[in-house]
Amino acid sequence: MTAVRKLIGDYMEAVEEALALFNNRFGRRDIIKSWREGVIPESGQIRQGVAYQMHGIGCWVDISGEEMDFDFAYSNDIGFDAWRLWSYAKQFPERYPDNDKAAVEHELEEAVGAGLVEPCGGHSNLLRIDIAQEQQKHLRPLPHTALLA
């Protein structure tokens, strides 16, 4: 389960970096709301080398060739699933040498069983980090919300 825990941490750090770039460019982290209000265009560049495309309840971002796709749950948490984690990990075979989708799915199921991640409210297929569990175990704190306002 250590591998999926590292993967989730790296993925969430990348998403947080993307949200910080949105905040620097548009002055907002609530990117879905901002997009729907017309503040943020549906697609474009945040800055040189950083492209994005909004979709449904999420966003795809490419930061200098490092791609991530993330969704937001009704609870405003950043949601992820095995596909999103696997898609992120396959870009870094040196960092995740044993990465295959079935292994990510299996380890993510174990993480759910261990209480490290939990379903996001309103989206049965999306998961989020169980912050209480993380803090209780004194593990590396992981970013968990988009701080939507």
Foldseek 3Di string as FASTA:
>chain_A
DVLLVVLVQVQLVVVVVVLVLCCVQQVFLQVVVCCVVVSDPQWDASDVQWTKHADDQWIWIGRNNQIAIWGAAPVQWIWDALVRSLVRCVVPCVSVVPRDSVVSNVVVVVCVVVQQWHAGPPDRRTIWGPQVVCVVVVHDHGDIGSPHD
